[in-house]
Amino acid sequence: MAAKTTPRRAKRKKSKASPPLFASTSTRSMVTQNLINMVVVTAVSGTVLLGLLAAKHF
């Protein structure tokens, strides 16, 4: 009668912490993109509101 063995699990590799330079660059990129998006949304919504106001006036 053969002894039952449990299958061995693969060892998890520890992830290396990313250098602060890359994290900082990534954060700056994300912040810049968010600011650009906010400006675009504000400009478009302002244009739409001015257009509606002009249409109502005339």
PDB file of N, CA and C in Angstrom:
ATOM      1  N   MET A   1       0.840  -1.170   0.000  1.00  0.00           N
ATOM      2  CA  MET A   1       0.000   0.000   0.000  1.00  0.00           C
ATOM      3  C   MET A   1       0.894   1.244   0.000  1.00  0.00           C
ATOM      4  N   ALA A   2       0.679   2.148  -0.998  1.00  0.00           N
ATOM      5  CA  ALA A   2       1.516   3.334  -1.134  1.00  0.00           C
ATOM      6  C   ALA A   2       1.046   4.430  -0.186  1.00  0.00           C
ATOM      7  N   ALA A   3       1.984   5.145   0.361  1.00  0.00           N
ATOM      8  CA  ALA A   3       1.645   6.247   1.261  1.00  0.00           C
ATOM      9  C   ALA A   3       1.150   7.429   0.442  1.00  0.00           C
ATOM     10  N   LYS A   4       0.128   8.083   0.938  1.00  0.00           N
ATOM     11  CA  LYS A   4      -0.404   9.252   0.233  1.00  0.00           C
ATOM     12  C   LYS A   4       0.474  10.469   0.541  1.00  0.00           C
ATOM     13  N   THR A   5       0.819  11.187  -0.522  1.00  0.00           N
ATOM     14  CA  THR A   5       1.619  12.392  -0.335  1.00  0.00           C
ATOM     15  C   THR A   5       0.818  13.588  -0.828  1.00  0.00           C
ATOM     16  N   THR A   6       0.987  14.672  -0.145  1.00  0.00           N
ATOM     17  CA  THR A   6       0.295  15.886  -0.577  1.00  0.00           C
ATOM     18  C   THR A   6       1.134  16.584  -1.648  1.00  0.00           C
ATOM     19  N   PRO A   7       0.495  17.123  -2.675  1.00  0.00           N
ATOM     20  CA  PRO A   7       1.267  17.813  -3.713  1.00  0.00           C
ATOM     21  C   PRO A   7       1.918  19.072  -3.143  1.00  0.00           C
ATOM     22  N   ARG A   8       3.137  19.299  -3.576  1.00  0.00           N
ATOM     23  CA  ARG A   8       3.864  20.470  -3.084  1.00  0.00           C
ATOM     24  C   ARG A   8       3.400  21.705  -3.830  1.00  0.00           C
ATOM     25  N   ARG A   9       3.235  22.774  -3.089  1.00  0.00           N
ATOM     26  CA  ARG A   9       2.837  24.043  -3.687  1.00  0.00           C
ATOM     27  C   ARG A   9       4.087  24.831  -4.070  1.00  0.00           C
ATOM     28  N   ALA A  10       3.965  25.582  -5.140  1.00  0.00           N
ATOM     29  CA  ALA A  10       5.079  26.421  -5.558  1.00  0.00           C
ATOM     30  C   ALA A  10       5.254  27.561  -4.568  1.00  0.00           C
ATOM     31  N   LYS A  11       6.495  27.890  -4.273  1.00  0.00           N
ATOM     32  CA  LYS A  11       6.757  28.974  -3.340  1.00  0.00           C
ATOM     33  C   LYS A  11       6.458  30.298  -4.010  1.00  0.00           C
ATOM     34  N   ARG A  12       5.851  31.177  -3.257  1.00  0.00           N
ATOM     35  CA  ARG A  12       5.544  32.504  -3.795  1.00  0.00           C
ATOM     36  C   ARG A  12       6.820  33.341  -3.818  1.00  0.00           C
ATOM     37  N   LYS A  13       6.999  34.055  -4.920  1.00  0.00           N
ATOM     38  CA  LYS A  13       8.146  34.943  -5.014  1.00  0.00           C
ATOM     39  C   LYS A  13       7.765  36.288  -4.418  1.00  0.00           C
ATOM     40  N   LYS A  14       8.661  36.827  -3.644  1.00  0.00           N
ATOM     41  CA  LYS A  14       8.405  38.142  -3.058  1.00  0.00           C
ATOM     42  C   LYS A  14       8.594  39.198  -4.136  1.00  0.00           C
ATOM     43  N   SER A  15       7.627  40.080  -4.242  1.00  0.00           N
ATOM     44  CA  SER A  15       7.745  41.133  -5.236  1.00  0.00           C
ATOM     45  C   SER A  15       8.708  42.191  -4.737  1.00  0.00           C
ATOM     46  N   LYS A  16       9.506  42.688  -5.661  1.00  0.00           N
ATOM     47  CA  LYS A  16      10.470  43.718  -5.292  1.00  0.00           C
ATOM     48  C   LYS A  16       9.760  45.062  -5.277  1.00  0.00           C
ATOM     49  N   ALA A  17      10.104  45.862  -4.305  1.00  0.00           N
ATOM     50  CA  ALA A  17       9.507  47.198  -4.221  1.00  0.00           C
ATOM     51  C   ALA A  17      10.066  48.040  -5.362  1.00  0.00           C
ATOM     52  N   SER A  18       9.186  48.779  -6.026  1.00  0.00           N
ATOM     53  CA  SER A  18       9.645  49.611  -7.129  1.00  0.00           C
ATOM     54  C   SER A  18      10.406  50.808  -6.579  1.00  0.00           C
ATOM     55  N   PRO A  19      11.399  51.248  -7.289  1.00  0.00           N
ATOM     56  CA  PRO A  19      12.162  52.415  -6.822  1.00  0.00           C
ATOM     57  C   PRO A  19      11.278  53.648  -6.729  1.00  0.00           C
ATOM     58  N   PRO A  20      11.549  54.552  -5.809  1.00  0.00           N
ATOM     59  CA  PRO A  20      10.707  55.740  -5.634  1.00  0.00           C
ATOM     60  C   PRO A  20      10.655  56.621  -6.879  1.00  0.00           C
ATOM     61  N   LEU A  21      11.714  56.598  -7.706  1.00  0.00           N
ATOM     62  CA  LEU A  21      11.740  57.427  -8.900  1.00  0.00           C
ATOM     63  C   LEU A  21      10.609  57.028  -9.842  1.00  0.00           C
ATOM     64  N   PHE A  22      10.425  55.718 -10.042  1.00  0.00           N
ATOM     65  CA  PHE A  22       9.373  55.256 -10.934  1.00  0.00           C
ATOM     66  C   PHE A  22       7.992  55.541 -10.355  1.00  0.00           C
ATOM     67  N   ALA A  23       7.838  55.370  -9.049  1.00  0.00           N
ATOM     68  CA  ALA A  23       6.549  55.643  -8.413  1.00  0.00           C
ATOM     69  C   ALA A  23       6.217  57.121  -8.527  1.00  0.00           C
ATOM     70  N   SER A  24       7.216  57.962  -8.359  1.00  0.00           N
ATOM     71  CA  SER A  24       6.997  59.393  -8.448  1.00  0.00           C
ATOM     72  C   SER A  24       6.611  59.789  -9.869  1.00  0.00           C
ATOM     73  N   THR A  25       7.288  59.222 -10.859  1.00  0.00           N
ATOM     74  CA  THR A  25       6.983  59.524 -12.257  1.00  0.00           C
ATOM     75  C   THR A  25       5.577  59.057 -12.602  1.00  0.00           C
ATOM     76  N   SER A  26       5.209  57.881 -12.128  1.00  0.00           N
ATOM     77  CA  SER A  26       3.877  57.352 -12.398  1.00  0.00           C
ATOM     78  C   SER A  26       2.809  58.232 -11.754  1.00  0.00           C
ATOM     79  N   THR A  27       3.058  58.668 -10.533  1.00  0.00           N
ATOM     80  CA  THR A  27       2.095  59.517  -9.827  1.00  0.00           C
ATOM     81  C   THR A  27       1.951  60.859 -10.529  1.00  0.00           C
ATOM     82  N   ARG A  28       3.086  61.429 -10.944  1.00  0.00           N
ATOM     83  CA  ARG A  28       3.027  62.708 -11.658  1.00  0.00           C
ATOM     84  C   ARG A  28       2.254  62.571 -12.951  1.00  0.00           C
ATOM     85  N   SER A  29       2.479  61.483 -13.655  1.00  0.00           N
ATOM     86  CA  SER A  29       1.779  61.259 -14.917  1.00  0.00           C
ATOM     87  C   SER A  29       0.275  61.157 -14.681  1.00  0.00           C
ATOM     88  N   MET A  30      -0.110  60.427 -13.643  1.00  0.00           N
ATOM     89  CA  MET A  30      -1.523  60.255 -13.331  1.00  0.00           C
ATOM     90  C   MET A  30      -2.156  61.585 -12.928  1.00  0.00           C
ATOM     91  N   VAL A  31      -1.449  62.369 -12.104  1.00  0.00           N
ATOM     92  CA  VAL A  31      -1.969  63.667 -11.666  1.00  0.00           C
ATOM     93  C   VAL A  31      -2.113  64.605 -12.857  1.00  0.00           C
ATOM     94  N   THR A  32      -1.116  64.610 -13.732  1.00  0.00           N
ATOM     95  CA  THR A  32      -1.176  65.461 -14.922  1.00  0.00           C
ATOM     96  C   THR A  32      -2.353  65.083 -15.798  1.00  0.00           C
ATOM     97  N   GLN A  33      -2.556  63.784 -16.005  1.00  0.00           N
ATOM     98  CA  GLN A  33      -3.670  63.338 -16.835  1.00  0.00           C
ATOM     99  C   GLN A  33      -5.009  63.718 -16.205  1.00  0.00           C
ATOM    100  N   ASN A  34      -5.113  63.595 -14.887  1.00  0.00           N
ATOM    101  CA  ASN A  34      -6.352  63.970 -14.206  1.00  0.00           C
ATOM    102  C   ASN A  34      -6.636  65.467 -14.337  1.00  0.00           C
ATOM    103  N   LEU A  35      -5.589  66.287 -14.215  1.00  0.00           N
ATOM    104  CA  LEU A  35      -5.779  67.729 -14.355  1.00  0.00           C
ATOM    105  C   LEU A  35      -6.216  68.090 -15.773  1.00  0.00           C
ATOM    106  N   ILE A  36      -5.614  67.451 -16.760  1.00  0.00           N
ATOM    107  CA  ILE A  36      -6.000  67.699 -18.154  1.00  0.00           C
ATOM    108  C   ILE A  36      -7.462  67.307 -18.354  1.00  0.00           C
ATOM    109  N   ASN A  37      -7.850  66.176 -17.828  1.00  0.00           N
ATOM    110  CA  ASN A  37      -9.248  65.730 -17.963  1.00  0.00           C
ATOM    111  C   ASN A  37     -10.208  66.708 -17.301  1.00  0.00           C
ATOM    112  N   MET A  38      -9.832  67.216 -16.121  1.00  0.00           N
ATOM    113  CA  MET A  38     -10.702  68.178 -15.427  1.00  0.00           C
ATOM    114  C   MET A  38     -10.864  69.457 -16.236  1.00  0.00           C
ATOM    115  N   VAL A  39      -9.778  69.943 -16.828  1.00  0.00           N
ATOM    116  CA  VAL A  39      -9.842  71.157 -17.633  1.00  0.00           C
ATOM    117  C   VAL A  39     -10.713  70.933 -18.864  1.00  0.00           C
ATOM    118  N   VAL A  40     -10.564  69.787 -19.507  1.00  0.00           N
ATOM    119  CA  VAL A  40     -11.359  69.485 -20.704  1.00  0.00           C
ATOM    120  C   VAL A  40     -12.841  69.401 -20.353  1.00  0.00           C
ATOM    121  N   VAL A  41     -13.166  68.715 -19.280  1.00  0.00           N
ATOM    122  CA  VAL A  41     -14.575  68.574 -18.881  1.00  0.00           C
ATOM    123  C   VAL A  41     -15.163  69.938 -18.531  1.00  0.00           C
ATOM    124  N   THR A  42     -14.408  70.763 -17.816  1.00  0.00           N
ATOM    125  CA  THR A  42     -14.884  72.098 -17.458  1.00  0.00           C
ATOM    126  C   THR A  42     -15.119  72.951 -18.698  1.00  0.00           C
ATOM    127  N   ALA A  43     -14.185  72.893 -19.649  1.00  0.00           N
ATOM    128  CA  ALA A  43     -14.317  73.689 -20.871  1.00  0.00           C
ATOM    129  C   ALA A  43     -15.521  73.238 -21.697  1.00  0.00           C
ATOM    130  N   VAL A  44     -15.704  71.943 -21.827  1.00  0.00           N
ATOM    131  CA  VAL A  44     -16.821  71.431 -22.629  1.00  0.00           C
ATOM    132  C   VAL A  44     -18.146  71.771 -21.964  1.00  0.00           C
ATOM    133  N   SER A  45     -18.250  71.564 -20.662  1.00  0.00           N
ATOM    134  CA  SER A  45     -19.517  71.856 -19.983  1.00  0.00           C
ATOM    135  C   SER A  45     -19.807  73.357 -20.010  1.00  0.00           C
ATOM    136  N   GLY A  46     -18.778  74.198 -19.876  1.00  0.00           N
ATOM    137  CA  GLY A  46     -18.971  75.640 -19.970  1.00  0.00           C
ATOM    138  C   GLY A  46     -19.451  76.049 -21.347  1.00  0.00           C
ATOM    139  N   THR A  47     -18.878  75.443 -22.378  1.00  0.00           N
ATOM    140  CA  THR A  47     -19.298  75.739 -23.750  1.00  0.00           C
ATOM    141  C   THR A  47     -20.754  75.338 -23.976  1.00  0.00           C
ATOM    142  N   VAL A  48     -21.118  74.178 -23.479  1.00  0.00           N
ATOM    143  CA  VAL A  48     -22.502  73.716 -23.632  1.00  0.00           C
ATOM    144  C   VAL A  48     -23.461  74.656 -22.910  1.00  0.00           C
ATOM    145  N   LEU A  49     -23.104  75.047 -21.680  1.00  0.00           N
ATOM    146  CA  LEU A  49     -23.989  75.949 -20.930  1.00  0.00           C
ATOM    147  C   LEU A  49     -24.116  77.314 -21.602  1.00  0.00           C
ATOM    148  N   LEU A  50     -23.019  77.857 -22.117  1.00  0.00           N
ATOM    149  CA  LEU A  50     -23.088  79.129 -22.833  1.00  0.00           C
ATOM    150  C   LEU A  50     -23.910  78.995 -24.110  1.00  0.00           C
ATOM    151  N   GLY A  51     -23.785  77.892 -24.775  1.00  0.00           N
ATOM    152  CA  GLY A  51     -24.588  77.650 -25.978  1.00  0.00           C
ATOM    153  C   GLY A  51     -26.067  77.587 -25.655  1.00  0.00           C
ATOM    154  N   LEU A  52     -26.424  76.913 -24.580  1.00  0.00           N
ATOM    155  CA  LEU A  52     -27.822  76.831 -24.183  1.00  0.00           C
ATOM    156  C   LEU A  52     -28.352  78.198 -23.762  1.00  0.00           C
ATOM    157  N   LEU A  53     -27.539  78.968 -23.052  1.00  0.00           N
ATOM    158  CA  LEU A  53     -27.944  80.300 -22.626  1.00  0.00           C
ATOM    159  C   LEU A  53     -28.155  81.212 -23.844  1.00  0.00           C
ATOM    160  N   ALA A  54     -27.258  81.112 -24.820  1.00  0.00           N
ATOM    161  CA  ALA A  54     -27.403  81.918 -26.043  1.00  0.00           C
ATOM    162  C   ALA A  54     -28.646  81.490 -26.818  1.00  0.00           C
ATOM    163  N   ALA A  55     -28.916  80.201 -26.880  1.00  0.00           N
ATOM    164  CA  ALA A  55     -30.094  79.710 -27.601  1.00  0.00           C
ATOM    165  C   ALA A  55     -31.368  80.182 -26.910  1.00  0.00           C
ATOM    166  N   LYS A  56     -31.355  80.220 -25.597  1.00  0.00           N
ATOM    167  CA  LYS A  56     -32.546  80.665 -24.861  1.00  0.00           C
ATOM    168  C   LYS A  56     -32.747  82.183 -25.059  1.00  0.00           C
ATOM    169  N   HIS A  57     -31.644  82.914 -25.160  1.00  0.00           N
ATOM    170  CA  HIS A  57     -31.722  84.377 -25.281  1.00  0.00           C
ATOM    171  C   HIS A  57     -32.301  84.793 -26.637  1.00  0.00           C
ATOM    172  N   PHE A  58     -31.935  84.061 -27.683  1.00  0.00           N
ATOM    173  CA  PHE A  58     -32.386  84.445 -29.037  1.00  0.00           C
ATOM    174  C   PHE A  58     -33.595  83.700 -29.436  1.00  0.00           C
TER     175      PHE A  58
END
